[in-house]
Amino acid sequence: MSEFEFVAKEILQIDELLADNFIFKSIHENLEGAFVTFINEDSNEERMLHIKMADARKYFSSKLYEQINS
């Protein structure tokens, strides 16, 4: 898989969770990427994504900014 395909896959996973009424709960970053925990506002279900690609990490940062400022 190309780098573009990895980024697109990670962005799609983020968008799917946000569309399913999940919000950001916590983010832990290290040299292996970012571990992003989402929580569903309705069911309190939690899901974690391991975001490895830098462009996908930039993308979730912009989505987090939107969540904070909405």
N, C-alpha and C. Protein backbone atom coordinates (compact mmCIF):
# COMPACT_ATOMS: atom_id res chain seq x y z
N MET A 1 0.85 -1.17 0.00
CA MET A 1 0.00 0.00 0.00
C MET A 1 0.90 1.23 0.00
N SER A 2 0.52 2.23 -0.77
CA SER A 2 1.30 3.47 -0.83
C SER A 2 1.02 4.34 0.39
N GLU A 3 1.89 5.33 0.59
CA GLU A 3 1.72 6.25 1.70
C GLU A 3 0.37 6.97 1.60
N PHE A 4 0.00 7.37 0.40
CA PHE A 4 -1.28 8.03 0.19
C PHE A 4 -2.44 7.14 0.64
N GLU A 5 -2.38 5.86 0.32
CA GLU A 5 -3.45 4.94 0.70
C GLU A 5 -3.52 4.75 2.20
N PHE A 6 -2.36 4.71 2.88
CA PHE A 6 -2.35 4.61 4.35
C PHE A 6 -3.01 5.84 4.97
N VAL A 7 -2.64 7.02 4.47
CA VAL A 7 -3.22 8.27 4.99
C VAL A 7 -4.72 8.30 4.75
N ALA A 8 -5.14 7.95 3.54
CA ALA A 8 -6.57 7.96 3.21
C ALA A 8 -7.34 6.99 4.10
N LYS A 9 -6.76 5.83 4.38
CA LYS A 9 -7.42 4.84 5.24
C LYS A 9 -7.58 5.37 6.66
N GLU A 10 -6.52 5.99 7.19
CA GLU A 10 -6.61 6.52 8.55
C GLU A 10 -7.60 7.68 8.64
N ILE A 11 -7.61 8.54 7.65
CA ILE A 11 -8.56 9.65 7.63
C ILE A 11 -10.00 9.13 7.54
N LEU A 12 -10.21 8.12 6.74
CA LEU A 12 -11.55 7.52 6.63
C LEU A 12 -12.00 6.95 7.97
N GLN A 13 -11.11 6.28 8.70
CA GLN A 13 -11.45 5.73 10.00
C GLN A 13 -11.86 6.85 10.97
N ILE A 14 -11.13 7.95 10.95
CA ILE A 14 -11.46 9.09 11.81
C ILE A 14 -12.83 9.64 11.43
N ASP A 15 -13.05 9.87 10.14
CA ASP A 15 -14.33 10.43 9.68
C ASP A 15 -15.51 9.52 10.01
N GLU A 16 -15.32 8.21 9.90
CA GLU A 16 -16.40 7.28 10.22
C GLU A 16 -16.78 7.36 11.70
N LEU A 17 -15.79 7.45 12.58
CA LEU A 17 -16.10 7.56 14.01
C LEU A 17 -16.80 8.88 14.31
N LEU A 18 -16.31 9.96 13.73
CA LEU A 18 -16.95 11.26 13.97
C LEU A 18 -18.37 11.28 13.44
N ALA A 19 -18.61 10.63 12.31
CA ALA A 19 -19.96 10.56 11.74
C ALA A 19 -20.89 9.72 12.61
N ASP A 20 -20.33 8.77 13.36
CA ASP A 20 -21.12 7.91 14.24
C ASP A 20 -21.27 8.49 15.64
N ASN A 21 -21.10 9.82 15.77
CA ASN A 21 -21.32 10.54 17.02
C ASN A 21 -20.25 10.26 18.08
N PHE A 22 -19.04 9.92 17.64
CA PHE A 22 -17.92 9.79 18.56
C PHE A 22 -17.22 11.14 18.64
N ILE A 23 -16.64 11.42 19.80
CA ILE A 23 -15.84 12.63 19.99
C ILE A 23 -14.48 12.21 20.54
N PHE A 24 -13.52 13.11 20.46
CA PHE A 24 -12.19 12.83 20.98
C PHE A 24 -12.24 12.79 22.50
N LYS A 25 -11.62 11.78 23.07
CA LYS A 25 -11.53 11.67 24.52
C LYS A 25 -10.10 11.92 24.99
N SER A 26 -9.14 11.23 24.38
CA SER A 26 -7.75 11.43 24.77
C SER A 26 -6.82 11.11 23.61
N ILE A 27 -5.63 11.68 23.68
CA ILE A 27 -4.62 11.46 22.66
C ILE A 27 -3.28 11.27 23.35
N HIS A 28 -2.60 10.19 22.99
CA HIS A 28 -1.26 9.92 23.51
C HIS A 28 -0.35 9.72 22.31
N GLU A 29 0.67 10.56 22.22
CA GLU A 29 1.59 10.47 21.08
C GLU A 29 2.95 9.98 21.56
N ASN A 30 3.59 9.18 20.71
CA ASN A 30 4.95 8.76 20.95
C ASN A 30 5.63 8.58 19.59
N LEU A 31 6.79 7.96 19.57
CA LEU A 31 7.53 7.82 18.32
C LEU A 31 6.85 6.89 17.32
N GLU A 32 5.89 6.11 17.77
CA GLU A 32 5.17 5.18 16.89
C GLU A 32 3.90 5.77 16.32
N GLY A 33 3.57 6.99 16.68
CA GLY A 33 2.36 7.62 16.19
C GLY A 33 1.50 8.13 17.32
N ALA A 34 0.22 8.27 17.05
CA ALA A 34 -0.73 8.77 18.03
C ALA A 34 -1.78 7.70 18.32
N PHE A 35 -2.06 7.52 19.60
CA PHE A 35 -3.13 6.63 20.03
C PHE A 35 -4.29 7.52 20.45
N VAL A 36 -5.33 7.53 19.63
CA VAL A 36 -6.45 8.44 19.82
C VAL A 36 -7.65 7.64 20.32
N THR A 37 -8.16 8.03 21.48
CA THR A 37 -9.34 7.38 22.04
C THR A 37 -10.55 8.27 21.77
N PHE A 38 -11.58 7.65 21.22
CA PHE A 38 -12.85 8.31 20.95
C PHE A 38 -13.90 7.74 21.89
N ILE A 39 -14.90 8.54 22.21
CA ILE A 39 -16.02 8.07 23.02
C ILE A 39 -17.31 8.49 22.34
N ASN A 40 -18.29 7.57 22.35
CA ASN A 40 -19.59 7.87 21.78
C ASN A 40 -20.40 8.60 22.83
N GLU A 41 -20.94 9.74 22.47
CA GLU A 41 -21.69 10.56 23.43
C GLU A 41 -22.97 9.89 23.90
N ASP A 42 -23.54 9.03 23.08
CA ASP A 42 -24.81 8.39 23.43
C ASP A 42 -24.63 7.13 24.26
N SER A 43 -23.73 6.26 23.83
CA SER A 43 -23.59 4.95 24.47
C SER A 43 -22.38 4.82 25.39
N ASN A 44 -21.53 5.83 25.44
CA ASN A 44 -20.28 5.80 26.20
C ASN A 44 -19.32 4.72 25.74
N GLU A 45 -19.54 4.19 24.55
CA GLU A 45 -18.62 3.21 23.97
C GLU A 45 -17.31 3.91 23.59
N GLU A 46 -16.19 3.27 23.87
CA GLU A 46 -14.89 3.84 23.53
C GLU A 46 -14.23 3.03 22.42
N ARG A 47 -13.52 3.72 21.56
CA ARG A 47 -12.73 3.08 20.50
C ARG A 47 -11.39 3.79 20.41
N MET A 48 -10.35 3.01 20.12
CA MET A 48 -9.02 3.60 19.99
C MET A 48 -8.49 3.35 18.58
N LEU A 49 -7.90 4.39 18.01
CA LEU A 49 -7.22 4.28 16.72
C LEU A 49 -5.74 4.54 16.93
N HIS A 50 -4.91 3.78 16.24
CA HIS A 50 -3.47 4.04 16.21
C HIS A 50 -3.19 4.74 14.89
N ILE A 51 -2.95 6.03 14.96
CA ILE A 51 -2.70 6.85 13.78
C ILE A 51 -1.19 6.98 13.61
N LYS A 52 -0.69 6.42 12.52
CA LYS A 52 0.75 6.38 12.30
C LYS A 52 1.25 7.47 11.36
N MET A 53 0.45 7.85 10.39
CA MET A 53 0.91 8.76 9.34
C MET A 53 0.79 10.22 9.78
N ALA A 54 1.83 11.01 9.48
CA ALA A 54 1.88 12.40 9.91
C ALA A 54 0.71 13.22 9.35
N ASP A 55 0.37 12.99 8.08
CA ASP A 55 -0.75 13.75 7.50
C ASP A 55 -2.07 13.42 8.17
N ALA A 56 -2.26 12.19 8.58
CA ALA A 56 -3.48 11.81 9.29
C ALA A 56 -3.49 12.41 10.70
N ARG A 57 -2.31 12.54 11.32
CA ARG A 57 -2.24 13.18 12.64
C ARG A 57 -2.57 14.66 12.52
N LYS A 58 -2.12 15.30 11.45
CA LYS A 58 -2.49 16.70 11.22
C LYS A 58 -4.00 16.82 11.03
N TYR A 59 -4.57 15.85 10.32
CA TYR A 59 -6.01 15.87 10.05
C TYR A 59 -6.81 15.77 11.36
N PHE A 60 -6.45 14.80 12.23
CA PHE A 60 -7.23 14.68 13.46
C PHE A 60 -7.01 15.89 14.35
N SER A 61 -5.85 16.54 14.25
CA SER A 61 -5.62 17.76 15.03
C SER A 61 -6.59 18.86 14.60
N SER A 62 -6.83 18.96 13.30
CA SER A 62 -7.77 19.97 12.82
C SER A 62 -9.21 19.63 13.24
N LYS A 63 -9.54 18.35 13.26
CA LYS A 63 -10.87 17.93 13.69
C LYS A 63 -11.05 18.15 15.20
N LEU A 64 -9.99 17.94 15.96
CA LEU A 64 -10.03 18.21 17.40
C LEU A 64 -10.24 19.69 17.64
N TYR A 65 -9.55 20.52 16.88
CA TYR A 65 -9.71 21.98 16.99
C TYR A 65 -11.16 22.37 16.72
N GLU A 66 -11.76 21.77 15.69
CA GLU A 66 -13.16 22.05 15.38
C GLU A 66 -14.06 21.64 16.54
N GLN A 67 -13.78 20.47 17.14
CA GLN A 67 -14.59 19.99 18.26
C GLN A 67 -14.50 20.94 19.45
N ILE A 68 -13.31 21.42 19.74
CA ILE A 68 -13.11 22.31 20.88
C ILE A 68 -13.81 23.65 20.66
N ASN A 69 -13.80 24.13 19.43
CA ASN A 69 -14.32 25.46 19.14
C ASN A 69 -15.75 25.48 18.62
N SER A 70 -16.46 24.34 18.75
CA SER A 70 -17.85 24.36 18.29
C SER A 70 -18.83 24.45 19.44
